[in-house]
Amino acid sequence: MTTQRKRKELISIPGVNLPAGNVVGIKAGGLLWYSALRADGADVKEQARNALAALKRNLEAAGATLDDVVKATVYFQDIADRLPFHEVWMEHFSGPEYPARIVVQVADASMRPGGGSQFAIDIVALAPESCRCPQRS
């Protein structure tokens, strides 16, 4: 008899309610995948601090840390915002093993009505072997 192996797990965070079709993250293939993380704030630095704090909470809920992040793609509405964003990024990540990162400019990084975010971040992180991935209820 063959048992079906679960190929991916949805990750949710207690107290975070998302519309149907949206997820905080997915665990698959030994990795944690987070898509379109963004945050509000008065300026890019505040938004970056808020988004990276949310990322840290998401990773911790799955049993991982910022040190487990291996790849980031940052989508900026204005590519000039990459410099203040980078300053905040360096407050949260330490070398010499920084995550691989690419930044690109897009037409609308907020992509939600009334959203004021100047960027969105996609993250790939190593999943711990025993992931404490909270399941969506």
C-alpha atoms as a PDB file:
ATOM      1  CA  MET A   1       0.000   0.000   0.000  1.00  0.00           C
ATOM      2  CA  THR A   2       1.356   3.405  -0.991  1.00  0.00           C
ATOM      3  CA  THR A   3       0.786   6.395   1.258  1.00  0.00           C
ATOM      4  CA  GLN A   4       0.245   9.809  -0.233  1.00  0.00           C
ATOM      5  CA  ARG A   5       2.855  12.297   0.816  1.00  0.00           C
ATOM      6  CA  LYS A   6       1.711  15.822   1.492  1.00  0.00           C
ATOM      7  CA  ARG A   7       3.524  17.991  -1.053  1.00  0.00           C
ATOM      8  CA  LYS A   8       2.828  21.374   0.504  1.00  0.00           C
ATOM      9  CA  GLU A   9       1.476  22.879   3.697  1.00  0.00           C
ATOM     10  CA  LEU A  10      -0.227  26.219   4.046  1.00  0.00           C
ATOM     11  CA  ILE A  11       1.216  28.430   6.764  1.00  0.00           C
ATOM     12  CA  SER A  12      -1.046  30.756   8.687  1.00  0.00           C
ATOM     13  CA  ILE A  13      -0.464  33.011  11.632  1.00  0.00           C
ATOM     14  CA  PRO A  14      -2.938  33.062  14.535  1.00  0.00           C
ATOM     15  CA  GLY A  15      -4.950  36.271  14.471  1.00  0.00           C
ATOM     16  CA  VAL A  16      -4.223  37.011  10.803  1.00  0.00           C
ATOM     17  CA  ASN A  17      -7.359  36.624   8.690  1.00  0.00           C
ATOM     18  CA  LEU A  18      -6.888  36.674   4.940  1.00  0.00           C
ATOM     19  CA  PRO A  19      -9.446  36.624   2.153  1.00  0.00           C
ATOM     20  CA  ALA A  20     -10.054  33.282   0.434  1.00  0.00           C
ATOM     21  CA  GLY A  21      -7.289  32.466  -2.030  1.00  0.00           C
ATOM     22  CA  ASN A  22      -4.605  34.357  -0.082  1.00  0.00           C
ATOM     23  CA  VAL A  23      -2.018  32.673   2.132  1.00  0.00           C
ATOM     24  CA  VAL A  24       0.713  33.910   4.431  1.00  0.00           C
ATOM     25  CA  GLY A  25       3.080  31.267   3.151  1.00  0.00           C
ATOM     26  CA  ILE A  26       3.631  27.723   1.977  1.00  0.00           C
ATOM     27  CA  LYS A  27       6.061  25.034   3.113  1.00  0.00           C
ATOM     28  CA  ALA A  28       7.169  22.806   0.235  1.00  0.00           C
ATOM     29  CA  GLY A  29      10.327  20.890  -0.631  1.00  0.00           C
ATOM     30  CA  GLY A  30      12.089  21.788   2.611  1.00  0.00           C
ATOM     31  CA  LEU A  31      11.546  25.507   1.991  1.00  0.00           C
ATOM     32  CA  LEU A  32       9.248  28.237   3.260  1.00  0.00           C
ATOM     33  CA  TRP A  33       7.803  30.485   0.540  1.00  0.00           C
ATOM     34  CA  TYR A  34       6.312  33.896   1.353  1.00  0.00           C
ATOM     35  CA  SER A  35       4.830  36.090  -1.339  1.00  0.00           C
ATOM     36  CA  ALA A  36       4.056  39.805  -1.616  1.00  0.00           C
ATOM     37  CA  LEU A  37       4.921  40.802   1.954  1.00  0.00           C
ATOM     38  CA  ARG A  38       4.295  44.495   2.402  1.00  0.00           C
ATOM     39  CA  ALA A  39       3.485  46.968   5.143  1.00  0.00           C
ATOM     40  CA  ASP A  40       2.135  50.430   5.631  1.00  0.00           C
ATOM     41  CA  GLY A  41       4.136  53.255   7.149  1.00  0.00           C
ATOM     42  CA  ALA A  42       4.965  56.937   6.807  1.00  0.00           C
ATOM     43  CA  ASP A  43       8.005  56.303   4.576  1.00  0.00           C
ATOM     44  CA  VAL A  44       9.992  53.480   2.997  1.00  0.00           C
ATOM     45  CA  LYS A  45      12.136  52.929   6.112  1.00  0.00           C
ATOM     46  CA  GLU A  46       9.100  52.558   8.374  1.00  0.00           C
ATOM     47  CA  GLN A  47       7.417  50.275   5.837  1.00  0.00           C
ATOM     48  CA  ALA A  48      10.587  48.173   5.626  1.00  0.00           C
ATOM     49  CA  ARG A  49      10.845  47.880   9.419  1.00  0.00           C
ATOM     50  CA  ASN A  50       7.183  46.850   9.631  1.00  0.00           C
ATOM     51  CA  ALA A  51       7.435  44.351   6.750  1.00  0.00           C
ATOM     52  CA  LEU A  52      10.623  42.753   8.086  1.00  0.00           C
ATOM     53  CA  ALA A  53       9.132  42.541  11.598  1.00  0.00           C
ATOM     54  CA  ALA A  54       6.120  40.732  10.088  1.00  0.00           C
ATOM     55  CA  LEU A  55       8.476  38.429   8.170  1.00  0.00           C
ATOM     56  CA  LYS A  56      10.325  37.634  11.399  1.00  0.00           C
ATOM     57  CA  ARG A  57       7.019  36.768  13.137  1.00  0.00           C
ATOM     58  CA  ASN A  58       5.978  34.564  10.188  1.00  0.00           C
ATOM     59  CA  LEU A  59       9.299  32.720  10.214  1.00  0.00           C
ATOM     60  CA  GLU A  60       9.219  32.253  13.994  1.00  0.00           C
ATOM     61  CA  ALA A  61       5.699  30.822  13.773  1.00  0.00           C
ATOM     62  CA  ALA A  62       7.143  28.153  11.448  1.00  0.00           C
ATOM     63  CA  GLY A  63      10.175  27.538  13.699  1.00  0.00           C
ATOM     64  CA  ALA A  64      12.629  29.439  11.461  1.00  0.00           C
ATOM     65  CA  THR A  65      14.569  32.705  11.787  1.00  0.00           C
ATOM     66  CA  LEU A  66      15.822  35.487   9.540  1.00  0.00           C
ATOM     67  CA  ASP A  67      19.097  33.527   9.320  1.00  0.00           C
ATOM     68  CA  ASP A  68      17.164  30.880   7.361  1.00  0.00           C
ATOM     69  CA  VAL A  69      16.246  33.314   4.553  1.00  0.00           C
ATOM     70  CA  VAL A  70      18.099  32.312   1.382  1.00  0.00           C
ATOM     71  CA  LYS A  71      16.484  34.479  -1.337  1.00  0.00           C
ATOM     72  CA  ALA A  72      14.518  37.701  -1.561  1.00  0.00           C
ATOM     73  CA  THR A  73      12.976  39.512  -4.490  1.00  0.00           C
ATOM     74  CA  VAL A  74      11.949  43.092  -3.732  1.00  0.00           C
ATOM     75  CA  TYR A  75       9.527  44.860  -6.074  1.00  0.00           C
ATOM     76  CA  PHE A  76       9.788  48.651  -5.772  1.00  0.00           C
ATOM     77  CA  GLN A  77       7.350  51.171  -7.116  1.00  0.00           C
ATOM     78  CA  ASP A  78      10.264  53.639  -7.304  1.00  0.00           C
ATOM     79  CA  ILE A  79      13.686  52.015  -7.645  1.00  0.00           C
ATOM     80  CA  ALA A  80      15.253  54.986  -5.794  1.00  0.00           C
ATOM     81  CA  ASP A  81      13.640  53.587  -2.617  1.00  0.00           C
ATOM     82  CA  ARG A  82      16.115  50.694  -2.670  1.00  0.00           C
ATOM     83  CA  LEU A  83      18.733  52.755  -0.784  1.00  0.00           C
ATOM     84  CA  PRO A  84      16.648  53.570   2.326  1.00  0.00           C
ATOM     85  CA  PHE A  85      15.208  50.037   2.184  1.00  0.00           C
ATOM     86  CA  HIS A  86      18.749  48.616   2.097  1.00  0.00           C
ATOM     87  CA  GLU A  87      19.676  50.525   5.272  1.00  0.00           C
ATOM     88  CA  VAL A  88      16.825  48.836   7.139  1.00  0.00           C
ATOM     89  CA  TRP A  89      17.560  45.455   5.509  1.00  0.00           C
ATOM     90  CA  MET A  90      21.106  45.618   6.918  1.00  0.00           C
ATOM     91  CA  GLU A  91      19.673  46.163  10.427  1.00  0.00           C
ATOM     92  CA  HIS A  92      17.924  42.780  10.161  1.00  0.00           C
ATOM     93  CA  PHE A  93      20.399  40.577   8.278  1.00  0.00           C
ATOM     94  CA  SER A  94      24.008  39.905   9.163  1.00  0.00           C
ATOM     95  CA  GLY A  95      26.812  38.705   6.946  1.00  0.00           C
ATOM     96  CA  PRO A  96      28.777  37.194   5.572  1.00  0.00           C
ATOM     97  CA  GLU A  97      25.919  34.831   4.628  1.00  0.00           C
ATOM     98  CA  TYR A  98      23.403  37.406   3.444  1.00  0.00           C
ATOM     99  CA  PRO A  99      20.383  36.124   1.518  1.00  0.00           C
ATOM    100  CA  ALA A 100      20.598  36.388  -2.258  1.00  0.00           C
ATOM    101  CA  ARG A 101      18.529  39.419  -3.265  1.00  0.00           C
ATOM    102  CA  ILE A 102      17.359  41.143  -6.393  1.00  0.00           C
ATOM    103  CA  VAL A 103      15.377  44.365  -6.675  1.00  0.00           C
ATOM    104  CA  VAL A 104      13.142  45.360  -9.557  1.00  0.00           C
ATOM    105  CA  GLN A 105      10.886  48.296 -10.331  1.00  0.00           C
ATOM    106  CA  VAL A 106       7.192  47.637 -10.980  1.00  0.00           C
ATOM    107  CA  ALA A 107       4.240  49.839 -11.852  1.00  0.00           C
ATOM    108  CA  ASP A 108       2.294  49.257  -8.617  1.00  0.00           C
ATOM    109  CA  ALA A 109       3.955  47.546  -5.649  1.00  0.00           C
ATOM    110  CA  SER A 110       0.945  48.052  -3.385  1.00  0.00           C
ATOM    111  CA  MET A 111      -1.578  46.222  -5.578  1.00  0.00           C
ATOM    112  CA  ARG A 112      -4.487  46.746  -3.229  1.00  0.00           C
ATOM    113  CA  PRO A 113      -7.140  49.429  -2.979  1.00  0.00           C
ATOM    114  CA  GLY A 114      -6.010  52.175  -0.640  1.00  0.00           C
ATOM    115  CA  GLY A 115      -2.642  50.504  -0.109  1.00  0.00           C
ATOM    116  CA  GLY A 116       0.308  52.785   0.423  1.00  0.00           C
ATOM    117  CA  SER A 117       3.171  50.322   0.381  1.00  0.00           C
ATOM    118  CA  GLN A 118       6.129  51.338  -1.788  1.00  0.00           C
ATOM    119  CA  PHE A 119       7.372  47.745  -2.222  1.00  0.00           C
ATOM    120  CA  ALA A 120       6.477  44.067  -1.932  1.00  0.00           C
ATOM    121  CA  ILE A 121       8.863  41.252  -0.966  1.00  0.00           C
ATOM    122  CA  ASP A 122       8.953  37.589  -1.967  1.00  0.00           C
ATOM    123  CA  ILE A 123      10.989  35.404   0.402  1.00  0.00           C
ATOM    124  CA  VAL A 124      12.366  31.870   0.257  1.00  0.00           C
ATOM    125  CA  ALA A 125      13.708  30.433   3.524  1.00  0.00           C
ATOM    126  CA  LEU A 126      14.940  27.083   4.737  1.00  0.00           C
ATOM    127  CA  ALA A 127      12.243  25.200   6.640  1.00  0.00           C
ATOM    128  CA  PRO A 128      13.257  23.459   9.853  1.00  0.00           C
ATOM    129  CA  GLU A 129      12.970  19.678   9.681  1.00  0.00           C
ATOM    130  CA  SER A 130      10.140  19.768  12.199  1.00  0.00           C
ATOM    131  CA  CYS A 131       8.206  22.773  10.960  1.00  0.00           C
ATOM    132  CA  ARG A 132       5.776  24.261  13.458  1.00  0.00           C
ATOM    133  CA  CYS A 133       3.702  25.469  10.523  1.00  0.00           C
ATOM    134  CA  PRO A 134       0.375  26.637  11.941  1.00  0.00           C
ATOM    135  CA  GLN A 135      -2.409  25.398   9.692  1.00  0.00           C
ATOM    136  CA  ARG A 136      -5.161  27.615   8.332  1.00  0.00           C
ATOM    137  CA  SER A 137      -8.424  26.819  10.051  1.00  0.00           C
END
